[in-house]
């Protein structure tokens, strides 16, 4: 078990063993999930904004008012 102390600002240091296990480095993004009253910490994968912007232009096939109406309840 690893222990860290919560500051008055709601911050805590991630223990070095956890940082090593998740290959966390300064500036990395982390994700917190709650599962049955437990917190799960995972490393967020980098988001390639340029790739997603380029990809978004290929997705117009389903971008019509008819599609919005057909799939609005999904």
N, C-alpha and C. Protein backbone atom coordinates (compact mmCIF):
# COMPACT_ATOMS: atom_id res chain seq x y z
N UNK A 1 0.84 -1.17 0.00
CA UNK A 1 0.00 0.00 0.00
C UNK A 1 0.89 1.24 0.00
N UNK A 2 0.52 2.23 -0.77
CA UNK A 2 1.27 3.48 -0.85
C UNK A 2 0.39 4.60 -0.30
N UNK A 3 1.00 5.55 0.38
CA UNK A 3 0.26 6.60 1.07
C UNK A 3 0.70 7.97 0.60
N UNK A 4 -0.27 8.87 0.46
CA UNK A 4 0.00 10.27 0.14
C UNK A 4 -0.96 11.11 0.96
N UNK A 5 -0.61 12.36 1.19
CA UNK A 5 -1.43 13.25 2.01
C UNK A 5 -2.12 14.29 1.13
N UNK A 6 -3.39 14.52 1.37
CA UNK A 6 -4.16 15.50 0.63
C UNK A 6 -3.92 16.89 1.22
N UNK A 7 -3.60 17.86 0.37
CA UNK A 7 -3.38 19.23 0.84
C UNK A 7 -4.71 19.96 0.94
N UNK A 8 -4.67 21.17 1.49
CA UNK A 8 -5.89 21.98 1.61
C UNK A 8 -6.43 22.39 0.24
N UNK A 9 -5.61 22.32 -0.79
CA UNK A 9 -6.04 22.62 -2.16
C UNK A 9 -6.54 21.39 -2.90
N UNK A 10 -6.65 20.26 -2.20
CA UNK A 10 -7.12 19.03 -2.84
C UNK A 10 -6.08 18.34 -3.68
N UNK A 11 -4.81 18.62 -3.46
CA UNK A 11 -3.73 18.03 -4.24
C UNK A 11 -3.03 16.95 -3.42
N UNK A 12 -2.48 15.98 -4.11
CA UNK A 12 -1.70 14.93 -3.48
C UNK A 12 -0.56 14.55 -4.42
N UNK A 13 0.55 14.14 -3.86
CA UNK A 13 1.67 13.66 -4.66
C UNK A 13 1.43 12.20 -5.01
N UNK A 14 1.62 11.87 -6.28
CA UNK A 14 1.52 10.47 -6.70
C UNK A 14 2.83 9.80 -6.33
N UNK A 15 2.78 8.74 -5.53
CA UNK A 15 4.01 8.09 -5.10
C UNK A 15 4.87 7.63 -6.28
N UNK A 16 6.17 7.65 -6.07
CA UNK A 16 7.12 7.36 -7.15
C UNK A 16 6.90 5.96 -7.74
N UNK A 17 6.54 4.97 -6.93
CA UNK A 17 6.30 3.63 -7.48
C UNK A 17 5.13 3.64 -8.46
N UNK A 18 4.11 4.43 -8.17
CA UNK A 18 2.97 4.54 -9.08
C UNK A 18 3.39 5.27 -10.36
N UNK A 19 4.13 6.36 -10.21
CA UNK A 19 4.61 7.10 -11.38
C UNK A 19 5.44 6.21 -12.28
N UNK A 20 6.31 5.40 -11.70
CA UNK A 20 7.14 4.50 -12.51
C UNK A 20 6.28 3.43 -13.19
N UNK A 21 5.34 2.86 -12.43
CA UNK A 21 4.48 1.80 -12.99
C UNK A 21 3.65 2.29 -14.17
N UNK A 22 3.23 3.56 -14.11
CA UNK A 22 2.42 4.13 -15.19
C UNK A 22 3.24 4.92 -16.20
N UNK A 23 4.57 4.94 -16.02
CA UNK A 23 5.48 5.72 -16.89
C UNK A 23 5.04 7.18 -16.97
N UNK A 24 4.70 7.76 -15.82
CA UNK A 24 4.27 9.14 -15.76
C UNK A 24 5.47 10.08 -15.70
N UNK A 25 5.38 11.15 -16.47
CA UNK A 25 6.41 12.18 -16.47
C UNK A 25 5.74 13.54 -16.25
N UNK A 26 6.53 14.53 -15.89
CA UNK A 26 6.01 15.88 -15.70
C UNK A 26 5.24 16.33 -16.93
N UNK A 27 4.05 16.83 -16.73
CA UNK A 27 3.22 17.32 -17.83
C UNK A 27 2.25 16.30 -18.38
N UNK A 28 2.41 15.01 -18.01
CA UNK A 28 1.48 13.99 -18.48
C UNK A 28 0.09 14.24 -17.91
N UNK A 29 -0.92 13.85 -18.65
CA UNK A 29 -2.31 13.93 -18.19
C UNK A 29 -2.68 12.59 -17.58
N UNK A 30 -3.47 12.64 -16.50
CA UNK A 30 -3.94 11.41 -15.87
C UNK A 30 -5.46 11.44 -15.78
N UNK A 31 -6.04 10.26 -15.77
CA UNK A 31 -7.49 10.10 -15.72
C UNK A 31 -7.86 9.47 -14.39
N UNK A 32 -8.89 10.02 -13.76
CA UNK A 32 -9.41 9.45 -12.52
C UNK A 32 -10.78 8.86 -12.82
N UNK A 33 -10.99 7.62 -12.41
CA UNK A 33 -12.30 6.97 -12.55
C UNK A 33 -12.71 6.47 -11.17
N UNK A 34 -14.00 6.52 -10.89
CA UNK A 34 -14.54 5.99 -9.65
C UNK A 34 -15.21 4.66 -9.96
N UNK A 35 -14.87 3.63 -9.21
CA UNK A 35 -15.47 2.31 -9.38
C UNK A 35 -15.69 1.71 -7.99
N UNK A 36 -16.95 1.57 -7.62
CA UNK A 36 -17.31 0.97 -6.32
C UNK A 36 -16.55 1.63 -5.17
N UNK A 37 -16.63 2.94 -5.09
CA UNK A 37 -16.01 3.71 -4.00
C UNK A 37 -14.49 3.63 -3.98
N UNK A 38 -13.88 3.31 -5.11
CA UNK A 38 -12.43 3.31 -5.23
C UNK A 38 -12.05 4.19 -6.42
N UNK A 39 -10.91 4.86 -6.30
CA UNK A 39 -10.41 5.68 -7.40
C UNK A 39 -9.40 4.89 -8.20
N UNK A 40 -9.53 4.96 -9.51
CA UNK A 40 -8.59 4.29 -10.41
C UNK A 40 -7.87 5.39 -11.19
N UNK A 41 -6.55 5.35 -11.21
CA UNK A 41 -5.75 6.34 -11.92
C UNK A 41 -5.10 5.66 -13.12
N UNK A 42 -5.25 6.28 -14.28
CA UNK A 42 -4.60 5.77 -15.49
C UNK A 42 -3.94 6.94 -16.22
N UNK A 43 -2.96 6.62 -17.01
CA UNK A 43 -2.28 7.63 -17.83
C UNK A 43 -3.12 7.89 -19.07
N UNK A 44 -3.39 9.16 -19.36
CA UNK A 44 -4.13 9.52 -20.56
C UNK A 44 -3.20 9.48 -21.75
N UNK A 45 -3.67 8.89 -22.83
CA UNK A 45 -2.87 8.86 -24.04
C UNK A 45 -2.91 10.24 -24.69
N UNK A 46 -1.82 10.65 -25.29
CA UNK A 46 -1.79 11.98 -25.92
C UNK A 46 -2.87 12.11 -26.99
N UNK A 47 -3.45 13.28 -27.09
CA UNK A 47 -4.48 13.56 -28.09
C UNK A 47 -3.83 14.29 -29.25
N UNK A 48 -3.89 13.70 -30.41
CA UNK A 48 -3.30 14.30 -31.62
C UNK A 48 -4.36 15.16 -32.30
N UNK A 49 -4.39 16.43 -31.94
CA UNK A 49 -5.43 17.33 -32.44
C UNK A 49 -5.39 17.49 -33.96
N UNK A 50 -4.21 17.60 -34.54
CA UNK A 50 -4.11 17.76 -36.00
C UNK A 50 -4.68 16.55 -36.73
N UNK A 51 -4.42 15.36 -36.21
CA UNK A 51 -4.96 14.14 -36.82
C UNK A 51 -6.49 14.16 -36.77
N UNK A 52 -7.05 14.52 -35.62
CA UNK A 52 -8.50 14.52 -35.48
C UNK A 52 -9.17 15.61 -36.32
N UNK A 53 -8.52 16.74 -36.46
CA UNK A 53 -9.05 17.78 -37.33
C UNK A 53 -9.05 17.28 -38.78
N UNK A 54 -7.96 16.67 -39.21
CA UNK A 54 -7.89 16.14 -40.57
C UNK A 54 -8.93 15.04 -40.78
N UNK A 55 -9.12 14.20 -39.79
CA UNK A 55 -10.08 13.10 -39.90
C UNK A 55 -11.51 13.61 -39.94
N UNK A 56 -11.80 14.68 -39.22
CA UNK A 56 -13.18 15.17 -39.13
C UNK A 56 -13.75 15.55 -40.49
N UNK A 57 -12.89 15.98 -41.41
CA UNK A 57 -13.36 16.35 -42.74
C UNK A 57 -13.83 15.14 -43.54
N UNK A 58 -13.45 13.95 -43.15
CA UNK A 58 -13.87 12.74 -43.87
C UNK A 58 -15.17 12.18 -43.31
N UNK A 59 -15.70 12.76 -42.25
CA UNK A 59 -16.88 12.21 -41.59
C UNK A 59 -18.18 12.91 -41.97
N UNK A 60 -18.15 13.72 -43.00
CA UNK A 60 -19.34 14.47 -43.38
C UNK A 60 -20.40 13.59 -44.03
N UNK A 61 -20.07 12.37 -44.31
CA UNK A 61 -21.01 11.44 -44.93
C UNK A 61 -22.31 11.33 -44.14
N UNK A 62 -22.21 11.41 -42.81
CA UNK A 62 -23.39 11.26 -41.95
C UNK A 62 -23.78 12.58 -41.29
N UNK A 63 -23.44 13.68 -41.91
CA UNK A 63 -23.70 14.98 -41.32
C UNK A 63 -24.79 15.69 -42.09
N UNK A 64 -26.01 15.23 -41.90
CA UNK A 64 -27.13 15.87 -42.58
C UNK A 64 -28.31 15.95 -41.61
N UNK A 65 -29.25 16.82 -41.87
CA UNK A 65 -30.45 16.88 -41.02
C UNK A 65 -31.20 15.54 -40.98
N UNK A 66 -31.20 14.84 -42.09
CA UNK A 66 -31.87 13.53 -42.13
C UNK A 66 -31.19 12.53 -41.19
N UNK A 67 -29.88 12.54 -41.18
CA UNK A 67 -29.15 11.66 -40.27
C UNK A 67 -29.38 12.05 -38.82
N UNK A 68 -29.38 13.35 -38.55
CA UNK A 68 -29.66 13.82 -37.19
C UNK A 68 -31.02 13.32 -36.73
N UNK A 69 -32.00 13.39 -37.59
CA UNK A 69 -33.36 12.94 -37.24
C UNK A 69 -33.38 11.42 -37.06
N UNK A 70 -32.73 10.70 -37.94
CA UNK A 70 -32.76 9.24 -37.89
C UNK A 70 -32.06 8.69 -36.65
N UNK A 71 -31.00 9.37 -36.19
CA UNK A 71 -30.19 8.82 -35.11
C UNK A 71 -30.24 9.67 -33.83
N UNK A 72 -31.20 10.56 -33.70
CA UNK A 72 -31.23 11.47 -32.56
C UNK A 72 -31.39 10.77 -31.22
N UNK A 73 -31.97 9.58 -31.22
CA UNK A 73 -32.24 8.90 -29.94
C UNK A 73 -31.17 7.89 -29.56
N UNK A 74 -30.07 7.86 -30.26
CA UNK A 74 -28.99 6.90 -29.93
C UNK A 74 -28.09 7.43 -28.86
